[in-house]
N, C-alpha and C. Protein backbone atom coordinates (compact mmCIF):
# COMPACT_ATOMS: atom_id res chain seq x y z
N MET A 1 39.49 106.89 125.10
CA MET A 1 39.21 107.69 124.89
C MET A 1 40.81 108.99 123.97
N LYS A 2 41.69 108.59 125.00
CA LYS A 2 43.44 109.14 124.31
C LYS A 2 43.79 108.48 123.19
N LYS A 3 43.67 107.56 122.85
CA LYS A 3 43.96 106.46 122.04
C LYS A 3 43.16 106.71 120.64
N PHE A 4 42.11 107.12 121.09
CA PHE A 4 41.32 107.67 120.30
C PHE A 4 41.39 108.84 119.63
N LEU A 5 41.43 110.13 120.08
CA LEU A 5 41.96 111.54 119.76
C LEU A 5 44.11 111.55 119.33
N LEU A 6 44.41 110.39 120.06
CA LEU A 6 45.42 110.05 119.15
C LEU A 6 45.47 109.40 117.88
N VAL A 7 43.97 108.32 117.58
CA VAL A 7 44.81 107.99 115.56
C VAL A 7 43.61 109.60 115.61
N CYS A 8 42.86 110.07 115.76
CA CYS A 8 42.61 111.69 114.62
C CYS A 8 43.30 112.12 114.23
N LEU A 9 44.47 112.45 115.46
CA LEU A 9 45.14 113.47 115.07
C LEU A 9 46.73 112.58 113.85
N LEU A 10 46.26 111.65 113.88
CA LEU A 10 47.67 110.63 113.51
C LEU A 10 46.51 110.84 111.72
N GLY A 11 45.22 110.69 111.21
CA GLY A 11 45.07 110.50 110.86
C GLY A 11 44.72 112.00 110.17
N LEU A 12 44.30 112.38 110.59
CA LEU A 12 45.30 114.48 110.40
C LEU A 12 46.63 114.20 109.70
N GLY A 13 47.47 113.97 109.73
CA GLY A 13 48.10 113.86 109.12
C GLY A 13 49.18 113.47 108.42
N MET A 14 48.16 112.39 107.98
CA MET A 14 48.78 111.77 106.92
C MET A 14 47.25 112.17 106.28
N LEU A 15 46.29 112.97 106.46
CA LEU A 15 45.97 113.43 104.95
C LEU A 15 46.34 115.57 104.58
N SER A 16 47.36 115.83 105.52
CA SER A 16 48.01 117.25 105.05
C SER A 16 48.70 116.94 104.08
N PRO A 17 48.74 117.83 103.42
CA PRO A 17 50.58 117.79 102.10
C PRO A 17 51.72 117.06 102.79
N SER A 18 53.20 116.89 102.44
CA SER A 18 53.46 116.54 102.15
C SER A 18 54.57 117.50 102.92
N THR A 19 55.82 117.82 103.96
CA THR A 19 56.21 118.91 104.19
C THR A 19 57.24 118.62 104.44
N THR A 20 57.89 117.16 103.68
CA THR A 20 59.07 117.01 103.65
C THR A 20 60.05 117.83 103.17
N VAL A 21 60.99 117.99 104.40
CA VAL A 21 62.33 119.19 103.37
C VAL A 21 63.35 118.27 102.61
N SER A 22 64.21 117.98 101.96
CA SER A 22 65.59 117.43 101.57
C SER A 22 66.07 118.51 101.13
N ALA A 23 67.21 118.60 101.51
CA ALA A 23 69.15 118.93 100.80
C ALA A 23 68.53 119.13 99.75
N LYS A 24 70.16 120.06 99.52
CA LYS A 24 70.16 119.69 97.98
C LYS A 24 70.53 118.55 97.35
N GLU A 25 71.59 118.54 96.84
CA GLU A 25 72.04 117.74 96.25
C GLU A 25 73.75 117.39 96.36
N SER A 26 73.77 118.87 96.35
CA SER A 26 75.82 118.75 96.33
C SER A 26 75.74 119.33 98.29
N LEU A 27 75.02 119.29 99.05
CA LEU A 27 75.17 120.27 100.11
C LEU A 27 74.97 118.92 101.24
N LYS A 28 74.85 117.88 100.30
CA LYS A 28 74.20 116.04 100.61
C LYS A 28 76.45 115.41 100.56
N HIS A 29 76.97 115.93 99.85
CA HIS A 29 77.87 114.46 99.69
C HIS A 29 79.42 115.62 99.72
N ARG A 30 79.40 116.53 100.31
CA ARG A 30 80.77 117.53 100.51
C ARG A 30 82.16 116.53 100.83
N ILE A 31 82.36 116.82 99.79
CA ILE A 31 84.04 115.68 100.36
C ILE A 31 85.48 116.00 99.64
N VAL A 32 86.08 116.71 100.69
CA VAL A 32 87.04 116.81 100.36
C VAL A 32 88.29 115.62 100.18
N ASN A 33 89.50 115.48 99.75
CA ASN A 33 90.84 114.53 99.61
C ASN A 33 92.21 115.22 99.82
N CYS A 34 92.27 114.57 101.12
CA CYS A 34 93.39 114.49 101.61
C CYS A 34 94.67 113.72 100.96
N GLY A 35 95.71 113.50 101.02
CA GLY A 35 96.68 112.68 100.97
C GLY A 35 98.24 112.58 100.79
N ILE A 36 99.28 112.04 101.14
CA ILE A 36 100.93 112.35 101.65
C ILE A 36 101.17 112.38 100.33
N GLU A 37 102.45 112.75 99.49
CA GLU A 37 103.21 111.98 98.62
C GLU A 37 104.56 112.64 98.73
N GLY A 38 105.28 111.69 99.34
CA GLY A 38 106.36 112.35 99.87
C GLY A 38 105.97 112.93 101.31
N TRP A 39 106.98 114.00 100.90
CA TRP A 39 106.81 114.72 102.20
C TRP A 39 105.72 115.95 101.74
N VAL A 40 104.43 115.52 100.87
CA VAL A 40 103.57 117.53 100.82
C VAL A 40 102.97 116.58 101.12
N LEU A 41 101.98 116.95 102.29
CA LEU A 41 100.31 116.68 102.94
C LEU A 41 99.61 117.69 101.60
N THR A 42 98.88 116.92 100.13
CA THR A 42 97.82 117.87 99.71
C THR A 42 96.73 117.47 100.46
N ALA A 43 95.04 119.03 99.67
CA ALA A 43 93.90 118.81 99.57
C ALA A 43 93.41 119.14 98.75
N ASN A 44 92.36 118.64 98.40
CA ASN A 44 91.95 119.08 97.31
C ASN A 44 90.15 119.71 97.71
N SER A 45 89.70 119.75 97.42
CA SER A 45 88.39 120.14 97.61
C SER A 45 87.54 120.78 95.55
N GLU A 46 86.17 119.50 95.68
CA GLU A 46 85.37 120.40 95.03
C GLU A 46 84.71 121.45 94.74
N LYS A 47 84.28 122.07 94.14
CA LYS A 47 82.95 122.87 93.87
C LYS A 47 82.60 123.07 94.95
N ALA A 48 81.53 122.03 95.23
CA ALA A 48 80.19 122.41 95.73
C ALA A 48 81.03 122.92 97.95
N ASP A 49 81.76 122.55 97.83
CA ASP A 49 83.09 122.34 99.27
C ASP A 49 83.16 123.94 98.92
N GLY A 50 83.52 125.27 97.61
CA GLY A 50 84.39 125.39 97.96
C GLY A 50 86.20 125.92 97.95
N MET A 51 86.45 126.75 98.21
CA MET A 51 87.98 126.80 98.00
C MET A 51 88.67 126.41 99.18
N ILE A 52 89.91 125.74 99.42
CA ILE A 52 89.52 125.68 101.32
C ILE A 52 90.41 127.40 101.54
N ASN A 53 90.43 127.28 102.34
CA ASN A 53 90.99 128.75 103.33
C ASN A 53 92.00 128.32 104.12
N LEU A 54 92.41 126.70 104.01
CA LEU A 54 93.75 126.88 105.07
C LEU A 54 93.13 125.11 105.66
N MET A 55 94.60 125.08 106.29
CA MET A 55 95.21 124.08 105.98
C MET A 55 95.62 123.70 107.50
N GLU A 56 95.01 123.28 109.07
CA GLU A 56 96.08 122.43 109.78
C GLU A 56 96.35 121.11 109.73
N VAL A 57 98.05 121.39 110.98
CA VAL A 57 97.88 119.57 111.01
C VAL A 57 98.66 119.95 112.44
N ARG A 58 97.86 118.63 113.06
CA ARG A 58 98.33 118.94 114.94
C ARG A 58 98.39 117.52 115.03
N LYS A 59 99.09 117.66 116.19
CA LYS A 59 100.13 116.51 117.00
C LYS A 59 98.90 115.66 117.59
N LEU A 60 98.60 115.07 117.75
CA LEU A 60 98.10 113.46 119.11
C LEU A 60 98.71 112.56 119.52
N PRO A 61 98.31 113.29 121.13
CA PRO A 61 96.61 113.37 121.58
C PRO A 61 97.19 114.67 121.80
N ASP A 62 97.69 115.83 122.35
CA ASP A 62 97.52 116.41 123.26
C ASP A 62 97.12 117.40 121.67
N GLY A 63 96.82 117.81 120.79
CA GLY A 63 96.20 118.28 120.08
C GLY A 63 96.60 120.08 119.74
N LYS A 64 98.50 120.34 119.81
CA LYS A 64 99.03 120.80 119.65
C LYS A 64 99.57 120.99 117.85
N LEU A 65 99.47 122.63 117.41
CA LEU A 65 98.99 122.28 116.29
C LEU A 65 100.80 122.58 115.87
N MET A 66 101.06 122.07 115.10
CA MET A 66 102.28 121.98 114.35
C MET A 66 102.22 122.77 112.65
N ALA A 67 101.47 122.54 112.26
CA ALA A 67 102.07 123.51 111.11
C ALA A 67 100.33 123.96 110.20
N SER A 68 100.42 125.51 109.35
CA SER A 68 99.05 126.11 109.10
C SER A 68 99.60 126.41 107.96
N GLN A 69 98.72 126.10 107.05
CA GLN A 69 99.23 127.19 105.51
C GLN A 69 98.45 127.93 105.01
N SER A 70 97.86 128.44 105.18
CA SER A 70 96.27 130.08 104.78
C SER A 70 96.69 129.62 102.68
N CYS A 71 95.69 129.20 102.22
CA CYS A 71 95.39 128.94 100.92
C CYS A 71 94.28 129.13 100.48
N ASN A 72 94.17 130.04 98.99
CA ASN A 72 92.79 130.46 98.55
C ASN A 72 92.27 129.88 97.24
N ASP A 73 92.18 128.22 97.44
CA ASP A 73 91.62 127.49 96.42
C ASP A 73 91.93 126.78 96.54
N TYR A 74 91.26 125.35 94.85
CA TYR A 74 90.26 123.99 95.16
C TYR A 74 91.80 123.41 95.50
N THR A 75 92.87 123.49 95.19
CA THR A 75 94.21 122.37 95.64
C THR A 75 94.73 123.85 97.01
N CYS A 76 95.48 122.57 97.61
CA CYS A 76 96.50 123.38 98.28
C CYS A 76 96.89 122.09 99.12
N SER A 77 98.96 122.88 99.38
CA SER A 77 99.93 121.44 99.25
C SER A 77 100.43 122.54 100.92
N MET A 78 101.11 121.59 101.36
CA MET A 78 102.17 122.03 102.55
C MET A 78 103.15 120.70 102.43
N ASP A 79 104.28 121.63 102.94
CA ASP A 79 105.82 120.49 103.99
C ASP A 79 105.38 120.40 104.52
N ILE A 80 105.98 118.50 105.19
CA ILE A 80 105.87 118.07 105.86
C ILE A 80 106.73 117.72 106.71
N SER A 81 108.05 117.87 106.19
CA SER A 81 109.65 117.01 106.07
C SER A 81 110.16 117.47 107.34
N SER A 82 109.49 118.74 107.58
CA SER A 82 110.13 119.06 109.25
C SER A 82 109.39 118.31 110.54
N LEU A 83 108.66 117.24 109.96
CA LEU A 83 107.49 117.30 110.80
C LEU A 83 108.16 116.55 111.57
N PRO A 84 107.89 115.89 113.11
CA PRO A 84 108.54 115.03 114.06
C PRO A 84 107.75 113.78 113.77
N GLY A 85 107.77 112.60 113.72
CA GLY A 85 106.98 111.18 113.65
C GLY A 85 106.20 110.83 114.37
N GLY A 86 104.72 110.50 114.26
CA GLY A 86 103.95 110.10 115.09
C GLY A 86 102.66 110.36 114.16
N SER A 87 102.09 110.61 114.75
CA SER A 87 100.19 110.53 115.15
C SER A 87 100.20 112.45 114.70
N TYR A 88 98.92 112.34 113.34
CA TYR A 88 98.67 114.07 113.42
C TYR A 88 97.33 113.52 113.16
N VAL A 89 96.49 114.94 112.73
CA VAL A 89 95.17 114.73 112.13
C VAL A 89 95.46 116.48 111.53
N VAL A 90 95.48 116.60 110.15
CA VAL A 90 94.74 117.80 109.76
C VAL A 90 93.60 117.78 108.73
N LYS A 91 92.81 119.63 108.87
CA LYS A 91 91.77 119.93 109.51
C LYS A 91 92.03 120.78 107.85
N VAL A 92 91.41 120.61 107.51
CA VAL A 92 91.29 121.25 106.42
C VAL A 92 89.41 122.13 105.98
N VAL A 93 89.87 123.70 106.79
CA VAL A 93 88.62 124.43 106.21
C VAL A 93 88.13 124.92 104.58
N THR A 94 87.12 125.16 104.44
CA THR A 94 86.25 125.37 102.64
C THR A 94 85.66 126.41 103.37
N THR A 95 85.80 126.65 101.89
CA THR A 95 84.52 127.60 102.04
C THR A 95 82.81 127.23 102.93
N TYR A 96 82.35 126.36 102.60
CA TYR A 96 81.24 125.83 103.45
C TYR A 96 80.98 124.43 104.14
N THR A 97 82.50 124.32 104.68
CA THR A 97 82.73 123.24 104.99
C THR A 97 84.24 122.87 106.13
N THR A 98 83.89 121.77 106.95
CA THR A 98 85.53 121.81 107.83
C THR A 98 85.74 120.07 107.16
N TYR A 99 86.90 119.77 107.55
CA TYR A 99 87.52 118.21 107.01
C TYR A 99 88.68 117.58 107.77
N THR A 100 88.79 116.55 108.54
CA THR A 100 90.01 116.16 109.06
C THR A 100 89.85 114.78 108.92
N GLN A 101 91.02 114.87 109.05
CA GLN A 101 91.66 113.60 108.65
C GLN A 101 92.93 113.22 109.70
N GLN A 102 93.39 111.86 109.61
CA GLN A 102 94.59 111.09 110.38
C GLN A 102 95.42 110.25 109.79
N PHE A 103 96.89 110.96 109.88
CA PHE A 103 98.18 110.23 109.27
C PHE A 103 98.78 110.43 110.57
N LYS A 104 99.29 109.17 109.86
CA LYS A 104 101.26 108.96 110.89
C LYS A 104 101.69 109.69 109.61
N LYS A 105 103.40 109.73 110.39
CA LYS A 105 104.39 110.17 109.50
C LYS A 105 105.21 109.89 109.65
């Protein structure tokens, strides 16, 4: 009896209209690009990500905040020449997303 009821419910589910919800294409592929050229850390965001609001650099493994830069554009740069050598993570906060990336100096 339970198997019959389950089969009936599955059959009814297949007859009902589709309820698949898909996100907009722009929401699926959010990309923030980070790179280091010389002693300058630069982040670029796409319009789908929104403007960059904040960049933070934290020392690994303890997560101590080493540098912070407020921004209000699609490109933001930060001078990292004063940071001591080691492993870091940069956190880029945009209007619609947050991106993190590790790097070494």
